[in-house]
Amino acid sequence: MLRLLLGAFLALVITNNEILAQEVRITPDTSSFSVEVGGKLLTIERIQDTSHKLTTEFTKTSRPCPPFCIHPISAAPGVATVGELEVIDFIESAVAKGTGLLIDSRLPEWFAKGTIPGAVNVPFSTLEPSNPYRDQILQALGGAKAGAGWDFTSARNLTLFCNGPWCDQSPRAIRNLVDAGYPTEKIQYYRGGMQLWLLLGLTVQTPSA
């Protein structure tokens, strides 16, 4: 019994030391999040190098508007706008359990450069009414044809994002989903997108990784 208690105490000390060693944490009490998605363990944490700076295209501050205009905090009435902690919680509570999808709405070439762990690529253009394959995508999201419309009773919960507050791809995808009848309470908008995710030094995953 004493040996078990001593082992547990040492494990606690080691764990606490590991947590304290993380100078850049996600929250004061959390250094990282780990969750299994599709049989693969995903870990989200922040870059520990406190001198790290962005060097990619996401360092750019001024893009021509239009089309790269600053978007409202809300993508559509009834659709919740969320931040990074809510995205991580969504990955843990919905994506990992198969009840939700984290959707990267950008074009495939952007998705290939790196995305939020656990995200799947559904380019915004594929949700346009003019896309002849849109019905198949809505069905993949859990929708079912109901006469001339759709039944989204069994549809998955979604969180959509793109490149950031200046990117209109996820807002367009969200509006097209809502216009198709997708319940707004099943949709979330991560407005910060890749720019804020990277700015906070959070883990990025390449699709092949």
C-alpha atoms as a PDB file:
ATOM      1  CA  MET A   1       0.000   0.000   0.000  1.00  0.00           C
ATOM      2  CA  LEU A   2       2.824   2.345   0.940  1.00  0.00           C
ATOM      3  CA  ARG A   3       4.571   1.503  -2.328  1.00  0.00           C
ATOM      4  CA  LEU A   4       1.409   2.368  -4.303  1.00  0.00           C
ATOM      5  CA  LEU A   5       1.016   5.678  -2.484  1.00  0.00           C
ATOM      6  CA  LEU A   6       4.675   6.525  -3.053  1.00  0.00           C
ATOM      7  CA  GLY A   7       4.355   5.676  -6.756  1.00  0.00           C
ATOM      8  CA  ALA A   8       1.266   7.842  -7.094  1.00  0.00           C
ATOM      9  CA  PHE A   9       3.010  10.715  -5.310  1.00  0.00           C
ATOM     10  CA  LEU A  10       6.059  10.506  -7.601  1.00  0.00           C
ATOM     11  CA  ALA A  11       3.829  10.402 -10.683  1.00  0.00           C
ATOM     12  CA  LEU A  12       2.015  13.503  -9.437  1.00  0.00           C
ATOM     13  CA  VAL A  13       5.301  15.311  -8.819  1.00  0.00           C
ATOM     14  CA  ILE A  14       6.585  14.410 -12.298  1.00  0.00           C
ATOM     15  CA  THR A  15       3.305  15.512 -13.919  1.00  0.00           C
ATOM     16  CA  ASN A  16       3.303  18.801 -12.024  1.00  0.00           C
ATOM     17  CA  ASN A  17       6.928  19.441 -12.963  1.00  0.00           C
ATOM     18  CA  GLU A  18       6.085  18.825 -16.623  1.00  0.00           C
ATOM     19  CA  ILE A  19       3.198  21.286 -16.410  1.00  0.00           C
ATOM     20  CA  LEU A  20       5.341  23.895 -14.684  1.00  0.00           C
ATOM     21  CA  ALA A  21       8.024  23.428 -17.362  1.00  0.00           C
ATOM     22  CA  GLN A  22       5.540  24.698 -19.953  1.00  0.00           C
ATOM     23  CA  GLU A  23       6.138  28.432 -19.840  1.00  0.00           C
ATOM     24  CA  VAL A  24       3.610  29.126 -22.597  1.00  0.00           C
ATOM     25  CA  ARG A  25       0.378  27.404 -21.604  1.00  0.00           C
ATOM     26  CA  ILE A  26      -3.064  27.468 -23.178  1.00  0.00           C
ATOM     27  CA  THR A  27      -4.698  28.451 -19.888  1.00  0.00           C
ATOM     28  CA  PRO A  28      -3.119  28.925 -16.446  1.00  0.00           C
ATOM     29  CA  ASP A  29      -3.957  25.315 -15.576  1.00  0.00           C
ATOM     30  CA  THR A  30      -3.572  23.628 -18.961  1.00  0.00           C
ATOM     31  CA  SER A  31      -0.415  23.213 -21.006  1.00  0.00           C
ATOM     32  CA  SER A  32      -1.877  21.041 -23.762  1.00  0.00           C
ATOM     33  CA  PHE A  33      -4.912  19.091 -24.912  1.00  0.00           C
ATOM     34  CA  SER A  34      -4.723  15.551 -26.268  1.00  0.00           C
ATOM     35  CA  VAL A  35      -7.616  13.738 -27.904  1.00  0.00           C
ATOM     36  CA  GLU A  36      -8.011  10.752 -30.198  1.00  0.00           C
ATOM     37  CA  VAL A  37      -9.736  11.494 -33.499  1.00  0.00           C
ATOM     38  CA  GLY A  38     -10.234   8.737 -36.047  1.00  0.00           C
ATOM     39  CA  GLY A  39      -7.784   6.475 -34.274  1.00  0.00           C
ATOM     40  CA  LYS A  40      -5.068   9.127 -34.244  1.00  0.00           C
ATOM     41  CA  LEU A  41      -3.881  10.987 -31.152  1.00  0.00           C
ATOM     42  CA  LEU A  42      -3.961  14.762 -31.623  1.00  0.00           C
ATOM     43  CA  THR A  43      -2.139  17.088 -29.259  1.00  0.00           C
ATOM     44  CA  ILE A  44      -2.741  20.833 -29.246  1.00  0.00           C
ATOM     45  CA  GLU A  45      -0.291  23.065 -27.443  1.00  0.00           C
ATOM     46  CA  ARG A  46       1.506  26.372 -27.924  1.00  0.00           C
ATOM     47  CA  ILE A  47       4.992  27.035 -29.256  1.00  0.00           C
ATOM     48  CA  GLN A  48       7.334  27.291 -26.260  1.00  0.00           C
ATOM     49  CA  ASP A  49       9.851  29.626 -27.892  1.00  0.00           C
ATOM     50  CA  THR A  50       8.868  33.019 -26.441  1.00  0.00           C
ATOM     51  CA  SER A  51      10.848  34.804 -29.158  1.00  0.00           C
ATOM     52  CA  HIS A  52       8.965  33.047 -31.964  1.00  0.00           C
ATOM     53  CA  LYS A  53       7.418  35.275 -34.649  1.00  0.00           C
ATOM     54  CA  LEU A  54       5.262  34.566 -37.664  1.00  0.00           C
ATOM     55  CA  THR A  55       7.150  34.632 -40.945  1.00  0.00           C
ATOM     56  CA  THR A  56       4.459  33.415 -43.357  1.00  0.00           C
ATOM     57  CA  GLU A  57       1.826  35.283 -45.353  1.00  0.00           C
ATOM     58  CA  PHE A  58      -0.139  35.623 -42.129  1.00  0.00           C
ATOM     59  CA  THR A  59       2.192  38.435 -41.048  1.00  0.00           C
ATOM     60  CA  LYS A  60       0.532  40.656 -43.633  1.00  0.00           C
ATOM     61  CA  THR A  61      -1.709  43.331 -42.111  1.00  0.00           C
ATOM     62  CA  SER A  62      -3.202  45.099 -45.144  1.00  0.00           C
ATOM     63  CA  ARG A  63      -4.980  43.302 -47.955  1.00  0.00           C
ATOM     64  CA  PRO A  64      -7.090  45.001 -50.641  1.00  0.00           C
ATOM     65  CA  CYS A  65     -10.743  45.374 -49.660  1.00  0.00           C
ATOM     66  CA  PRO A  66     -12.685  44.190 -51.514  1.00  0.00           C
ATOM     67  CA  PRO A  67     -12.369  41.259 -51.431  1.00  0.00           C
ATOM     68  CA  PHE A  68     -10.377  40.981 -48.178  1.00  0.00           C
ATOM     69  CA  CYS A  69     -12.616  43.092 -45.968  1.00  0.00           C
ATOM     70  CA  ILE A  70     -13.023  42.830 -42.192  1.00  0.00           C
ATOM     71  CA  HIS A  71     -16.052  40.705 -41.423  1.00  0.00           C
ATOM     72  CA  PRO A  72     -18.672  41.185 -38.698  1.00  0.00           C
ATOM     73  CA  ILE A  73     -18.369  39.147 -35.530  1.00  0.00           C
ATOM     74  CA  SER A  74     -21.474  37.207 -36.611  1.00  0.00           C
ATOM     75  CA  ALA A  75     -21.537  35.178 -39.825  1.00  0.00           C
ATOM     76  CA  ALA A  76     -25.325  34.728 -39.774  1.00  0.00           C
ATOM     77  CA  PRO A  77     -28.190  35.319 -37.334  1.00  0.00           C
ATOM     78  CA  GLY A  78     -28.406  32.497 -34.807  1.00  0.00           C
ATOM     79  CA  VAL A  79     -24.901  31.163 -35.533  1.00  0.00           C
ATOM     80  CA  ALA A  80     -22.570  31.349 -32.525  1.00  0.00           C
ATOM     81  CA  THR A  81     -19.121  32.896 -32.962  1.00  0.00           C
ATOM     82  CA  VAL A  82     -16.405  31.128 -30.963  1.00  0.00           C
ATOM     83  CA  GLY A  83     -12.778  31.530 -29.961  1.00  0.00           C
ATOM     84  CA  GLU A  84      -9.824  29.204 -29.648  1.00  0.00           C
ATOM     85  CA  LEU A  85     -10.794  27.548 -26.353  1.00  0.00           C
ATOM     86  CA  GLU A  86     -14.252  26.792 -27.712  1.00  0.00           C
ATOM     87  CA  VAL A  87     -12.697  25.281 -30.848  1.00  0.00           C
ATOM     88  CA  ILE A  88     -10.498  23.023 -28.709  1.00  0.00           C
ATOM     89  CA  ASP A  89     -13.508  22.040 -26.611  1.00  0.00           C
ATOM     90  CA  PHE A  90     -15.450  21.272 -29.797  1.00  0.00           C
ATOM     91  CA  ILE A  91     -12.651  18.976 -30.983  1.00  0.00           C
ATOM     92  CA  GLU A  92     -12.725  17.146 -27.650  1.00  0.00           C
ATOM     93  CA  SER A  93     -16.489  17.004 -27.164  1.00  0.00           C
ATOM     94  CA  ALA A  94     -17.818  16.609 -30.709  1.00  0.00           C
ATOM     95  CA  VAL A  95     -15.135  15.803 -33.289  1.00  0.00           C
ATOM     96  CA  ALA A  96     -13.561  13.040 -31.187  1.00  0.00           C
ATOM     97  CA  LYS A  97     -16.982  11.470 -30.583  1.00  0.00           C
ATOM     98  CA  GLY A  98     -18.049  11.620 -34.226  1.00  0.00           C
ATOM     99  CA  THR A  99     -20.957  13.972 -33.541  1.00  0.00           C
ATOM    100  CA  GLY A 100     -19.326  17.041 -35.058  1.00  0.00           C
ATOM    101  CA  LEU A 101     -16.997  18.226 -37.780  1.00  0.00           C
ATOM    102  CA  LEU A 102     -14.389  20.966 -37.668  1.00  0.00           C
ATOM    103  CA  ILE A 103     -14.525  22.333 -41.212  1.00  0.00           C
ATOM    104  CA  ASP A 104     -11.698  24.174 -42.909  1.00  0.00           C
ATOM    105  CA  SER A 105     -13.594  26.130 -45.581  1.00  0.00           C
ATOM    106  CA  ARG A 106     -10.519  27.199 -47.534  1.00  0.00           C
ATOM    107  CA  LEU A 107      -9.419  25.958 -50.922  1.00  0.00           C
ATOM    108  CA  PRO A 108      -7.416  22.694 -50.937  1.00  0.00           C
ATOM    109  CA  GLU A 109      -4.090  24.407 -51.642  1.00  0.00           C
ATOM    110  CA  TRP A 110      -4.435  26.436 -48.433  1.00  0.00           C
ATOM    111  CA  PHE A 111      -5.575  23.401 -46.450  1.00  0.00           C
ATOM    112  CA  ALA A 112      -2.485  21.517 -47.653  1.00  0.00           C
ATOM    113  CA  LYS A 113      -0.197  24.158 -46.108  1.00  0.00           C
ATOM    114  CA  GLY A 114      -1.501  23.380 -42.633  1.00  0.00           C
ATOM    115  CA  THR A 115      -4.736  23.385 -40.688  1.00  0.00           C
ATOM    116  CA  ILE A 116      -6.161  23.044 -37.194  1.00  0.00           C
ATOM    117  CA  PRO A 117      -5.725  19.471 -35.898  1.00  0.00           C
ATOM    118  CA  GLY A 118      -8.819  17.368 -36.546  1.00  0.00           C
ATOM    119  CA  ALA A 119     -10.177  19.591 -39.328  1.00  0.00           C
ATOM    120  CA  VAL A 120     -11.558  18.314 -42.620  1.00  0.00           C
ATOM    121  CA  ASN A 121     -11.514  20.305 -45.842  1.00  0.00           C
ATOM    122  CA  VAL A 122     -14.887  21.302 -47.287  1.00  0.00           C
ATOM    123  CA  PRO A 123     -14.092  24.240 -49.592  1.00  0.00           C
ATOM    124  CA  PHE A 124     -16.639  27.054 -49.373  1.00  0.00           C
ATOM    125  CA  SER A 125     -17.342  26.845 -53.116  1.00  0.00           C
ATOM    126  CA  THR A 126     -18.635  23.271 -52.803  1.00  0.00           C
ATOM    127  CA  LEU A 127     -21.556  24.540 -50.714  1.00  0.00           C
ATOM    128  CA  GLU A 128     -22.707  27.014 -53.375  1.00  0.00           C
ATOM    129  CA  PRO A 129     -26.201  26.153 -54.750  1.00  0.00           C
ATOM    130  CA  SER A 130     -24.685  26.020 -58.233  1.00  0.00           C
ATOM    131  CA  ASN A 131     -22.474  23.051 -57.319  1.00  0.00           C
ATOM    132  CA  PRO A 132     -24.112  19.924 -58.841  1.00  0.00           C
ATOM    133  CA  TYR A 133     -22.591  17.789 -56.076  1.00  0.00           C
ATOM    134  CA  ARG A 134     -23.778  19.909 -53.163  1.00  0.00           C
ATOM    135  CA  ASP A 135     -26.553  17.469 -52.247  1.00  0.00           C
ATOM    136  CA  GLN A 136     -23.959  14.758 -51.719  1.00  0.00           C
ATOM    137  CA  ILE A 137     -22.023  17.022 -49.381  1.00  0.00           C
ATOM    138  CA  LEU A 138     -25.140  17.894 -47.377  1.00  0.00           C
ATOM    139  CA  GLN A 139     -25.887  14.184 -47.094  1.00  0.00           C
ATOM    140  CA  ALA A 140     -22.330  13.550 -45.871  1.00  0.00           C
ATOM    141  CA  LEU A 141     -22.954  16.152 -43.169  1.00  0.00           C
ATOM    142  CA  GLY A 142     -25.973  14.157 -41.988  1.00  0.00           C
ATOM    143  CA  GLY A 143     -28.777  15.773 -43.969  1.00  0.00           C
ATOM    144  CA  ALA A 144     -31.551  13.737 -45.567  1.00  0.00           C
ATOM    145  CA  LYS A 145     -33.680  14.689 -48.545  1.00  0.00           C
ATOM    146  CA  ALA A 146     -37.260  15.482 -47.536  1.00  0.00           C
ATOM    147  CA  GLY A 147     -39.310  16.241 -50.617  1.00  0.00           C
ATOM    148  CA  ALA A 148     -38.054  19.481 -52.118  1.00  0.00           C
ATOM    149  CA  GLY A 149     -36.183  20.349 -48.942  1.00  0.00           C
ATOM    150  CA  TRP A 150     -33.949  18.794 -46.311  1.00  0.00           C
ATOM    151  CA  ASP A 151     -34.273  17.124 -42.937  1.00  0.00           C
ATOM    152  CA  PHE A 152     -31.261  18.015 -40.797  1.00  0.00           C
ATOM    153  CA  THR A 153     -32.489  16.324 -37.611  1.00  0.00           C
ATOM    154  CA  SER A 154     -29.533  13.931 -37.627  1.00  0.00           C
ATOM    155  CA  ALA A 155     -27.020  16.411 -39.061  1.00  0.00           C
ATOM    156  CA  ARG A 156     -23.696  16.854 -37.347  1.00  0.00           C
ATOM    157  CA  ASN A 157     -22.671  19.899 -35.352  1.00  0.00           C
ATOM    158  CA  LEU A 158     -20.240  22.042 -37.321  1.00  0.00           C
ATOM    159  CA  THR A 159     -17.538  24.590 -36.577  1.00  0.00           C
ATOM    160  CA  LEU A 160     -16.259  26.411 -39.656  1.00  0.00           C
ATOM    161  CA  PHE A 161     -13.198  28.592 -40.154  1.00  0.00           C
ATOM    162  CA  CYS A 162     -10.984  29.999 -42.895  1.00  0.00           C
ATOM    163  CA  ASN A 163      -7.981  32.352 -42.900  1.00  0.00           C
ATOM    164  CA  GLY A 164      -9.179  34.949 -40.403  1.00  0.00           C
ATOM    165  CA  PRO A 165     -11.429  37.984 -39.854  1.00  0.00           C
ATOM    166  CA  TRP A 166     -10.577  39.245 -43.372  1.00  0.00           C
ATOM    167  CA  CYS A 167     -11.562  35.980 -45.077  1.00  0.00           C
ATOM    168  CA  ASP A 168     -15.088  35.549 -46.455  1.00  0.00           C
ATOM    169  CA  GLN A 169     -14.897  31.830 -47.226  1.00  0.00           C
ATOM    170  CA  SER A 170     -16.335  30.393 -44.005  1.00  0.00           C
ATOM    171  CA  PRO A 171     -19.021  33.116 -43.719  1.00  0.00           C
ATOM    172  CA  ARG A 172     -20.120  32.303 -47.278  1.00  0.00           C
ATOM    173  CA  ALA A 173     -20.171  28.587 -46.497  1.00  0.00           C
ATOM    174  CA  ILE A 174     -22.210  29.242 -43.352  1.00  0.00           C
ATOM    175  CA  ARG A 175     -24.753  31.401 -45.174  1.00  0.00           C
ATOM    176  CA  ASN A 176     -25.173  28.739 -47.855  1.00  0.00           C
ATOM    177  CA  LEU A 177     -25.704  26.069 -45.185  1.00  0.00           C
ATOM    178  CA  VAL A 178     -28.315  28.222 -43.446  1.00  0.00           C
ATOM    179  CA  ASP A 179     -30.041  28.961 -46.756  1.00  0.00           C
ATOM    180  CA  ALA A 180     -30.240  25.212 -47.380  1.00  0.00           C
ATOM    181  CA  GLY A 181     -32.023  24.809 -44.040  1.00  0.00           C
ATOM    182  CA  TYR A 182     -29.123  23.674 -41.857  1.00  0.00           C
ATOM    183  CA  PRO A 183     -30.068  24.515 -38.230  1.00  0.00           C
ATOM    184  CA  THR A 184     -28.180  27.559 -36.983  1.00  0.00           C
ATOM    185  CA  GLU A 185     -27.866  25.988 -33.523  1.00  0.00           C
ATOM    186  CA  LYS A 186     -25.730  23.264 -35.112  1.00  0.00           C
ATOM    187  CA  ILE A 187     -23.254  25.726 -36.640  1.00  0.00           C
ATOM    188  CA  GLN A 188     -20.390  27.660 -35.048  1.00  0.00           C
ATOM    189  CA  TYR A 189     -18.122  30.258 -36.663  1.00  0.00           C
ATOM    190  CA  TYR A 190     -14.460  30.506 -35.636  1.00  0.00           C
ATOM    191  CA  ARG A 191     -13.847  34.033 -36.901  1.00  0.00           C
ATOM    192  CA  GLY A 192     -10.191  34.152 -35.840  1.00  0.00           C
ATOM    193  CA  GLY A 193      -9.327  31.391 -38.286  1.00  0.00           C
ATOM    194  CA  MET A 194      -5.779  30.404 -39.155  1.00  0.00           C
ATOM    195  CA  GLN A 195      -4.322  33.872 -38.615  1.00  0.00           C
ATOM    196  CA  LEU A 196      -5.259  34.051 -34.929  1.00  0.00           C
ATOM    197  CA  TRP A 197      -4.600  30.324 -34.394  1.00  0.00           C
ATOM    198  CA  LEU A 198      -1.048  30.831 -35.681  1.00  0.00           C
ATOM    199  CA  LEU A 199      -0.619  34.136 -33.873  1.00  0.00           C
ATOM    200  CA  LEU A 200      -1.272  32.325 -30.585  1.00  0.00           C
ATOM    201  CA  GLY A 201       1.336  29.700 -31.427  1.00  0.00           C
ATOM    202  CA  LEU A 202      -1.131  26.814 -31.427  1.00  0.00           C
ATOM    203  CA  THR A 203      -0.406  23.471 -33.061  1.00  0.00           C
ATOM    204  CA  VAL A 204      -0.880  23.251 -36.830  1.00  0.00           C
ATOM    205  CA  GLN A 205      -1.260  19.953 -38.638  1.00  0.00           C
ATOM    206  CA  THR A 206      -0.540  19.210 -42.292  1.00  0.00           C
ATOM    207  CA  PRO A 207      -3.061  16.802 -43.854  1.00  0.00           C
ATOM    208  CA  SER A 208      -0.383  14.181 -44.507  1.00  0.00           C
ATOM    209  CA  ALA A 209       0.970  14.332 -40.928  1.00  0.00           C
END
